């Protein structure tokens, strides 16, 4: 009996040790980066070795160049290149306090000289993704027409100081961008904010179109002219840099295309031109250009307008009832 108890106790201690062996830093973190922008950090540990990926404001989720833990500190390094090809090495350090991170960022150039000042920012652990929702059981409220086909009532620029390329012409919401050094065109958002929903709309790409529909201002469903191109997480209907469409469903440039987007419990479904291209897939965090990294706040629909020309019409949002 004593031997059995001793063996059981040892197994229990070993199991406890295995649980405790996981670093406090592993997991996904919503960042509020220096300047207040939205960021994201994912940390993994396999066989005692750490790796990480990061989103810093705009752009894509990318792997970092180095990840290690020294004592109670996480140290992440990443390289950045400017337009001239000059390299800057950024070192991010983090300490965990429960589900919160306190972080600092410092930069050096290729010669090892300090660049700029030490920056402090914060992070918050993202709770585990819930189980995949049964979409057949989701209850919806009344549909809301977001576009009236006449003017921009119910919409405003995300940055009120930006140039406005948005207008309604013949019932179509269009964005027209002029390439000029003194022009900086803005993104357009709904004045209303939403939680989970289904969104149906039609979009027409122009030559070189690169836009996006931001769900709650956090997750970008990519809108771009990618007809005939290989599957990619940056092409039409993708969750930008996070979820690649399962099939190509784009239409050629200039044709109206239908989008049917459902966001429920941090799971995304996208139907493009009648084909399911993202099927109730979990969303791991915000995407580049998000207005916040907090995935639990209501937010607007916002349309990316700072890049190129694009057209939208017949946009209807149906909220999920809680």
Foldseek 3Di string as FASTA:
>chain_A
DVVVVVVVVVVVVVVVVVVVPDDPPAAKKWWLDPVRATKIKHWDADPNAIWIWMGDAFDATGTAPGWDDDDQKIWTWHWDQDPVRWIKIKIKIWGDDPQKIKIKIWIATPVRHTDDDIDIIMIGGDDDQDDQDDVVPFAWDDKDFCFPLAFNPQKDFPDNPADEQWTRDRSKTKGADDDDPPHFYTKMWGPDWAAWWKKKWKKAEAVFDWKFKQALLFWTQTDGQQPPHDWDCRYHRHRRNFGTFPDDDDDHHGDIKMWIWGADRQFIWIAIRNRTRGDRHHDRFGHHRRRGGDNRDTHITMMGRRPRMMIMHRIMIIHTDD
